[in-house]
C-alpha atoms as a PDB file:
ATOM      1  CA  MET A   1      -2.226 -20.318 -24.442  1.00  0.00           C
ATOM      2  CA  LYS A   2      -0.697 -17.739 -26.769  1.00  0.00           C
ATOM      3  CA  VAL A   3       0.211 -14.449 -25.028  1.00  0.00           C
ATOM      4  CA  ASN A   4       0.916 -11.428 -27.232  1.00  0.00           C
ATOM      5  CA  ASP A   5       1.887  -7.799 -26.696  1.00  0.00           C
ATOM      6  CA  ILE A   6      -1.305  -5.842 -26.102  1.00  0.00           C
ATOM      7  CA  GLU A   7      -2.225  -2.176 -25.976  1.00  0.00           C
ATOM      8  CA  ILE A   8      -2.753  -0.552 -22.580  1.00  0.00           C
ATOM      9  CA  SER A   9      -4.717   2.727 -22.512  1.00  0.00           C
ATOM     10  CA  GLY A  10      -5.087   5.234 -19.702  1.00  0.00           C
ATOM     11  CA  VAL A  11      -1.428   5.781 -18.759  1.00  0.00           C
ATOM     12  CA  ILE A  12      -0.479   9.460 -18.889  1.00  0.00           C
ATOM     13  CA  THR A  13       2.951  10.706 -19.940  1.00  0.00           C
ATOM     14  CA  GLN A  14       5.043  13.008 -17.777  1.00  0.00           C
ATOM     15  CA  GLU A  15       4.871  15.631 -20.542  1.00  0.00           C
ATOM     16  CA  ASP A  16       1.069  15.623 -20.479  1.00  0.00           C
ATOM     17  CA  LEU A  17       1.071  16.033 -16.699  1.00  0.00           C
ATOM     18  CA  ASN A  18       2.616  19.470 -17.241  1.00  0.00           C
ATOM     19  CA  SER A  19      -0.600  20.542 -19.000  1.00  0.00           C
ATOM     20  CA  TYR A  20      -2.418  20.483 -15.650  1.00  0.00           C
ATOM     21  CA  ASN A  21      -2.198  23.199 -13.011  1.00  0.00           C
ATOM     22  CA  LEU A  22      -1.270  20.756 -10.252  1.00  0.00           C
ATOM     23  CA  HIS A  23       0.050  21.631  -6.811  1.00  0.00           C
ATOM     24  CA  TYR A  24       2.321  20.132  -4.169  1.00  0.00           C
ATOM     25  CA  PRO A  25       2.456  18.098  -2.013  1.00  0.00           C
ATOM     26  CA  ARG A  26       1.712  15.096  -4.238  1.00  0.00           C
ATOM     27  CA  LYS A  27       1.578  11.407  -3.449  1.00  0.00           C
ATOM     28  CA  GLU A  28       2.379   8.332  -5.526  1.00  0.00           C
ATOM     29  CA  VAL A  29       0.400   5.216  -4.595  1.00  0.00           C
ATOM     30  CA  CYS A  30       1.055   1.657  -5.803  1.00  0.00           C
ATOM     31  CA  GLU A  31      -2.111  -0.444  -6.104  1.00  0.00           C
ATOM     32  CA  THR A  32      -1.888  -4.193  -6.804  1.00  0.00           C
ATOM     33  CA  PHE A  33      -5.012  -6.327  -7.162  1.00  0.00           C
ATOM     34  CA  GLY A  34      -6.289  -9.528  -8.745  1.00  0.00           C
ATOM     35  CA  ILE A  35      -8.970  -9.879 -11.416  1.00  0.00           C
ATOM     36  CA  ASN A  36     -10.818 -13.201 -11.655  1.00  0.00           C
ATOM     37  CA  PHE A  37     -13.547 -13.879 -14.202  1.00  0.00           C
ATOM     38  CA  SER A  38     -16.990 -15.013 -13.101  1.00  0.00           C
ATOM     39  CA  GLU A  39     -18.239 -18.438 -14.187  1.00  0.00           C
ATOM     40  CA  ASP A  40     -20.425 -17.053 -16.975  1.00  0.00           C
ATOM     41  CA  MET A  41     -17.468 -15.372 -18.727  1.00  0.00           C
ATOM     42  CA  PRO A  42     -15.630 -17.390 -21.412  1.00  0.00           C
ATOM     43  CA  ASN A  43     -11.937 -18.200 -21.024  1.00  0.00           C
ATOM     44  CA  VAL A  44      -9.252 -15.919 -22.463  1.00  0.00           C
ATOM     45  CA  GLU A  45      -7.422 -17.114 -25.542  1.00  0.00           C
ATOM     46  CA  THR A  46      -5.688 -13.815 -26.424  1.00  0.00           C
ATOM     47  CA  PRO A  47      -5.913 -10.504 -24.510  1.00  0.00           C
ATOM     48  CA  LEU A  48      -6.267  -7.636 -27.014  1.00  0.00           C
ATOM     49  CA  GLN A  49      -6.457  -4.419 -25.026  1.00  0.00           C
ATOM     50  CA  ILE A  50      -6.748  -3.193 -21.445  1.00  0.00           C
ATOM     51  CA  PHE A  51      -8.190   0.219 -20.560  1.00  0.00           C
ATOM     52  CA  PHE A  52      -7.527   1.880 -17.196  1.00  0.00           C
ATOM     53  CA  ASP A  53      -9.288   4.892 -15.753  1.00  0.00           C
ATOM     54  CA  THR A  54      -9.290   6.434 -12.295  1.00  0.00           C
ATOM     55  CA  LYS A  55     -11.251   9.244 -10.701  1.00  0.00           C
ATOM     56  CA  VAL A  56     -11.924  10.786  -7.306  1.00  0.00           C
ATOM     57  CA  VAL A  57     -15.453   9.960  -6.158  1.00  0.00           C
ATOM     58  CA  LYS A  58     -15.388  12.225  -3.103  1.00  0.00           C
ATOM     59  CA  SER A  59     -12.855  14.269  -1.148  1.00  0.00           C
ATOM     60  CA  LYS A  60     -12.810  16.562   1.870  1.00  0.00           C
ATOM     61  CA  VAL A  61     -10.301  18.521   3.945  1.00  0.00           C
ATOM     62  CA  ILE A  62      -9.911  17.199   7.496  1.00  0.00           C
ATOM     63  CA  TYR A  63      -7.770  18.205  10.486  1.00  0.00           C
ATOM     64  CA  THR A  64      -6.086  15.369  12.391  1.00  0.00           C
ATOM     65  CA  GLN A  65      -2.833  14.972  14.319  1.00  0.00           C
ATOM     66  CA  GLY A  66      -2.071  18.692  14.148  1.00  0.00           C
ATOM     67  CA  GLU A  67      -2.291  19.183  10.384  1.00  0.00           C
ATOM     68  CA  ASP A  68      -4.740  19.645   7.526  1.00  0.00           C
ATOM     69  CA  LYS A  69      -5.152  16.726   5.137  1.00  0.00           C
ATOM     70  CA  LEU A  70      -7.152  15.980   2.022  1.00  0.00           C
ATOM     71  CA  PHE A  71      -9.045  12.712   2.533  1.00  0.00           C
ATOM     72  CA  LEU A  72     -10.315  11.135  -0.677  1.00  0.00           C
ATOM     73  CA  HIS A  73     -12.165   8.105  -1.985  1.00  0.00           C
ATOM     74  CA  GLY A  74     -11.294   7.042  -5.518  1.00  0.00           C
ATOM     75  CA  ILE A  75     -12.146   4.278  -7.947  1.00  0.00           C
ATOM     76  CA  ILE A  76     -10.086   2.445 -10.587  1.00  0.00           C
ATOM     77  CA  THR A  77     -11.907   1.075 -13.638  1.00  0.00           C
ATOM     78  CA  THR A  78     -10.297  -1.768 -15.605  1.00  0.00           C
ATOM     79  CA  LYS A  79     -11.787  -2.818 -18.942  1.00  0.00           C
ATOM     80  CA  ILE A  80     -10.381  -5.908 -20.669  1.00  0.00           C
ATOM     81  CA  VAL A  81     -11.010  -6.719 -24.343  1.00  0.00           C
ATOM     82  CA  TYR A  82     -10.011 -10.241 -25.329  1.00  0.00           C
ATOM     83  CA  VAL A  83     -10.472 -13.082 -27.800  1.00  0.00           C
ATOM     84  CA  ALA A  84     -12.337 -15.938 -26.129  1.00  0.00           C
ATOM     85  CA  GLU A  85     -11.687 -19.637 -26.518  1.00  0.00           C
ATOM     86  CA  GLN A  86     -15.344 -20.157 -27.467  1.00  0.00           C
ATOM     87  CA  PRO A  87     -15.993 -19.668 -31.215  1.00  0.00           C
ATOM     88  CA  SER A  88     -19.583 -18.595 -30.465  1.00  0.00           C
ATOM     89  CA  SER A  89     -18.405 -15.414 -28.684  1.00  0.00           C
ATOM     90  CA  PRO A  90     -15.028 -14.483 -30.200  1.00  0.00           C
ATOM     91  CA  ILE A  91     -14.588 -10.923 -28.824  1.00  0.00           C
ATOM     92  CA  ASN A  92     -15.520 -10.111 -25.233  1.00  0.00           C
ATOM     93  CA  THR A  93     -15.303  -7.028 -23.016  1.00  0.00           C
ATOM     94  CA  ILE A  94     -15.434  -7.104 -19.240  1.00  0.00           C
ATOM     95  CA  GLU A  95     -15.131  -4.339 -16.601  1.00  0.00           C
ATOM     96  CA  PHE A  96     -13.855  -4.461 -13.023  1.00  0.00           C
ATOM     97  CA  TYR A  97     -13.815  -1.790 -10.304  1.00  0.00           C
ATOM     98  CA  LYS A  98     -11.345  -1.277  -7.477  1.00  0.00           C
ATOM     99  CA  HIS A  99     -11.900   1.307  -4.728  1.00  0.00           C
ATOM    100  CA  PHE A 100      -9.062   3.024  -2.887  1.00  0.00           C
ATOM    101  CA  SER A 101      -8.532   5.844  -0.386  1.00  0.00           C
ATOM    102  CA  CYS A 102      -5.669   8.219   0.299  1.00  0.00           C
ATOM    103  CA  LEU A 103      -4.541  11.019   2.630  1.00  0.00           C
ATOM    104  CA  LEU A 104      -2.716  14.052   1.232  1.00  0.00           C
ATOM    105  CA  PRO A 105      -1.125  16.644   3.588  1.00  0.00           C
ATOM    106  CA  THR A 106      -2.255  20.188   2.667  1.00  0.00           C
ATOM    107  CA  ASN A 107      -0.653  22.439   5.298  1.00  0.00           C
ATOM    108  CA  ASN A 108       1.151  24.717   2.843  1.00  0.00           C
ATOM    109  CA  ILE A 109      -1.670  25.465   0.389  1.00  0.00           C
ATOM    110  CA  GLU A 110      -5.071  27.156   0.442  1.00  0.00           C
ATOM    111  CA  THR A 111      -7.767  24.549   1.165  1.00  0.00           C
ATOM    112  CA  HIS A 112     -10.844  26.469  -0.039  1.00  0.00           C
ATOM    113  CA  ASN A 113     -12.404  24.616  -3.018  1.00  0.00           C
ATOM    114  CA  LEU A 114      -9.520  22.154  -2.862  1.00  0.00           C
ATOM    115  CA  THR A 115     -10.042  18.670  -4.245  1.00  0.00           C
ATOM    116  CA  ALA A 116      -7.788  16.019  -5.812  1.00  0.00           C
ATOM    117  CA  LYS A 117      -7.134  14.494  -9.209  1.00  0.00           C
ATOM    118  CA  THR A 118      -5.580  11.088  -9.847  1.00  0.00           C
ATOM    119  CA  PHE A 119      -3.502   9.899 -12.784  1.00  0.00           C
ATOM    120  CA  ILE A 120      -2.085   6.523 -13.796  1.00  0.00           C
ATOM    121  CA  GLU A 121       1.658   6.915 -14.385  1.00  0.00           C
ATOM    122  CA  ASP A 122       2.465   3.287 -15.196  1.00  0.00           C
ATOM    123  CA  ALA A 123       0.946  -0.196 -15.276  1.00  0.00           C
ATOM    124  CA  ILE A 124       2.076  -3.822 -15.089  1.00  0.00           C
ATOM    125  CA  VAL A 125      -0.324  -6.608 -16.095  1.00  0.00           C
ATOM    126  CA  THR A 126       0.418 -10.278 -15.379  1.00  0.00           C
ATOM    127  CA  GLN A 127      -1.789 -13.031 -16.766  1.00  0.00           C
ATOM    128  CA  GLN A 128      -2.540 -15.490 -13.966  1.00  0.00           C
ATOM    129  CA  SER A 129      -4.414 -18.017 -16.120  1.00  0.00           C
ATOM    130  CA  ASN A 130      -7.041 -18.076 -18.855  1.00  0.00           C
ATOM    131  CA  ARG A 131      -9.489 -16.756 -16.252  1.00  0.00           C
ATOM    132  CA  GLY A 132      -7.629 -14.013 -14.445  1.00  0.00           C
ATOM    133  CA  PHE A 133      -4.971 -11.300 -14.275  1.00  0.00           C
ATOM    134  CA  TYR A 134      -2.906  -9.454 -11.696  1.00  0.00           C
ATOM    135  CA  VAL A 135      -2.671  -5.675 -12.103  1.00  0.00           C
ATOM    136  CA  SER A 136      -0.154  -3.262 -10.571  1.00  0.00           C
ATOM    137  CA  LEU A 137      -0.722   0.473 -11.067  1.00  0.00           C
ATOM    138  CA  LEU A 138       1.347   3.507 -10.125  1.00  0.00           C
ATOM    139  CA  LEU A 139      -1.104   6.286  -9.258  1.00  0.00           C
ATOM    140  CA  LEU A 140      -0.270   9.960  -8.817  1.00  0.00           C
ATOM    141  CA  VAL A 141      -2.603  11.859  -6.467  1.00  0.00           C
ATOM    142  CA  CYS A 142      -2.421  15.654  -6.715  1.00  0.00           C
ATOM    143  CA  PRO A 143      -4.269  18.548  -5.059  1.00  0.00           C
ATOM    144  CA  ILE A 144      -6.175  20.695  -7.529  1.00  0.00           C
ATOM    145  CA  TYR A 145      -8.866  23.368  -7.240  1.00  0.00           C
ATOM    146  CA  SER A 146     -12.452  22.761  -8.336  1.00  0.00           C
ATOM    147  CA  ASP A 147     -12.350  25.569 -10.928  1.00  0.00           C
ATOM    148  CA  ASP A 148      -9.370  23.930 -12.628  1.00  0.00           C
ATOM    149  CA  ILE A 149     -11.152  20.549 -12.664  1.00  0.00           C
ATOM    150  CA  ASP A 150     -14.081  22.110 -14.574  1.00  0.00           C
ATOM    151  CA  GLU A 151     -11.682  23.671 -17.079  1.00  0.00           C
ATOM    152  CA  TYR A 152      -9.908  20.382 -17.811  1.00  0.00           C
ATOM    153  CA  GLU A 153     -13.190  18.500 -18.240  1.00  0.00           C
ATOM    154  CA  GLU A 154     -13.929  20.780 -21.183  1.00  0.00           C
ATOM    155  CA  GLU A 155     -10.441  20.368 -22.672  1.00  0.00           C
ATOM    156  CA  ILE A 156      -9.257  16.833 -21.906  1.00  0.00           C
ATOM    157  CA  VAL A 157      -5.563  16.051 -22.290  1.00  0.00           C
ATOM    158  CA  GLU A 158      -5.135  13.041 -24.584  1.00  0.00           C
ATOM    159  CA  VAL A 159      -3.802   9.925 -22.903  1.00  0.00           C
ATOM    160  CA  ILE A 160      -1.638   7.967 -25.328  1.00  0.00           C
ATOM    161  CA  PRO A 161      -2.042   4.172 -25.469  1.00  0.00           C
ATOM    162  CA  LYS A 162       1.157   2.219 -24.845  1.00  0.00           C
ATOM    163  CA  LYS A 163       2.350  -1.244 -25.728  1.00  0.00           C
ATOM    164  CA  GLU A 164       2.897  -3.564 -22.793  1.00  0.00           C
ATOM    165  CA  THR A 165       3.941  -7.190 -22.640  1.00  0.00           C
ATOM    166  CA  ILE A 166       1.558  -9.433 -20.734  1.00  0.00           C
ATOM    167  CA  THR A 167       3.540 -11.846 -18.589  1.00  0.00           C
ATOM    168  CA  LYS A 168       1.993 -15.250 -18.143  1.00  0.00           C
ATOM    169  CA  ILE A 169       2.346 -17.091 -14.832  1.00  0.00           C
ATOM    170  CA  GLU A 170       3.363 -20.667 -15.512  1.00  0.00           C
ATOM    171  CA  GLU A 171       0.726 -23.304 -14.867  1.00  0.00           C
ATOM    172  CA  PRO A 172       1.334 -25.267 -11.627  1.00  0.00           C
ATOM    173  CA  GLU A 173       2.283 -28.927 -11.658  1.00  0.00           C
ATOM    174  CA  PRO A 174      -0.725 -31.319 -11.597  1.00  0.00           C
ATOM    175  CA  ILE A 175      -1.727 -32.242  -8.042  1.00  0.00           C
ATOM    176  CA  GLU A 176      -2.376 -35.720  -6.825  1.00  0.00           C
ATOM    177  CA  GLU A 177      -5.909 -37.019  -6.657  1.00  0.00           C
ATOM    178  CA  ASN A 178      -7.860 -36.368  -3.436  1.00  0.00           C
ATOM    179  CA  LYS A 179      -5.636 -33.412  -2.560  1.00  0.00           C
ATOM    180  CA  SER A 180      -7.166 -29.957  -2.362  1.00  0.00           C
ATOM    181  CA  ILE A 181      -5.657 -26.687  -3.466  1.00  0.00           C
ATOM    182  CA  SER A 182      -6.737 -23.217  -2.382  1.00  0.00           C
ATOM    183  CA  MET A 183      -7.833 -20.941  -5.209  1.00  0.00           C
ATOM    184  CA  PRO A 184      -8.054 -17.134  -5.242  1.00  0.00           C
ATOM    185  CA  VAL A 185     -11.415 -15.730  -4.234  1.00  0.00           C
ATOM    186  CA  GLU A 186     -13.275 -14.020  -7.051  1.00  0.00           C
ATOM    187  CA  ASN A 187     -12.564 -10.271  -7.090  1.00  0.00           C
ATOM    188  CA  ASP A 188     -10.049 -10.776  -4.281  1.00  0.00           C
ATOM    189  CA  ASP A 189      -9.701  -7.759  -1.984  1.00  0.00           C
ATOM    190  CA  ALA A 190      -6.306  -8.766  -0.566  1.00  0.00           C
ATOM    191  CA  ASP A 191      -4.463  -5.812  -2.062  1.00  0.00           C
ATOM    192  CA  ILE A 192      -0.975  -4.412  -1.792  1.00  0.00           C
ATOM    193  CA  GLU A 193      -0.531  -0.668  -1.468  1.00  0.00           C
ATOM    194  CA  ILE A 194       2.650   1.384  -1.307  1.00  0.00           C
ATOM    195  CA  GLU A 195       2.588   5.132  -0.765  1.00  0.00           C
ATOM    196  CA  TYR A 196       5.145   7.898  -0.593  1.00  0.00           C
ATOM    197  CA  ASP A 197       4.713  11.639  -0.501  1.00  0.00           C
ATOM    198  CA  MET A 198       6.199  14.260  -2.805  1.00  0.00           C
ATOM    199  CA  ASN A 199       6.586  17.364  -0.683  1.00  0.00           C
ATOM    200  CA  MET A 200       8.239  19.440  -3.374  1.00  0.00           C
ATOM    201  CA  ASN A 201       9.522  18.942  -6.870  1.00  0.00           C
ATOM    202  CA  GLY A 202      12.132  16.171  -6.873  1.00  0.00           C
ATOM    203  CA  GLN A 203      12.018  15.426  -3.140  1.00  0.00           C
ATOM    204  CA  TYR A 204      10.345  12.563  -1.288  1.00  0.00           C
ATOM    205  CA  PHE A 205       9.478  11.662   2.284  1.00  0.00           C
ATOM    206  CA  GLU A 206       7.480   9.221   4.400  1.00  0.00           C
ATOM    207  CA  SER A 207       7.468   5.747   2.885  1.00  0.00           C
ATOM    208  CA  ASN A 208       4.555   3.569   4.002  1.00  0.00           C
ATOM    209  CA  TRP A 209       3.847  -0.114   3.321  1.00  0.00           C
ATOM    210  CA  LYS A 210       0.334  -1.485   3.749  1.00  0.00           C
END
């Protein structure tokens, strides 16, 4: 299988982040998940482009353990465009969705009309086989007020596509006959998440592994 450099869209630059009126504290979250094609999808010959998008579906301010927090539910959309091995359907597009949640401490800011916005700061894509990928994303979760969200929806900051090398996982050695091998479950939910908080500009605290 030939694996080329492909274009990844949806990763925001640090310069473009400055265009938003974001507040502290902020949190960076690492999300790692697998993508496995369903049986009706043709095999991948060459991946062409991968689009990422993330948004907050719902958020609310809660009070637990002696402090205010912003509790949110978000969703990551992954769209893959690829050349298939089947000549009858050369170009294919497929979408996958990954849900996530996050807690953001909000003790030092006004919580009225407070919500959150998420950005993708970086991405790593590893090709598992001709039927699946592993994706690792670095998300930035920031508190923002509802009025500012409405303003940015009218004037969207452009997210520049970037070139990324797709790393292929080597095929395993052939197994002996009558031996079984466990395969990943389709749309596997066994995810890896890493979070750390950004209490103020340039400072970090509370590292959590999940």
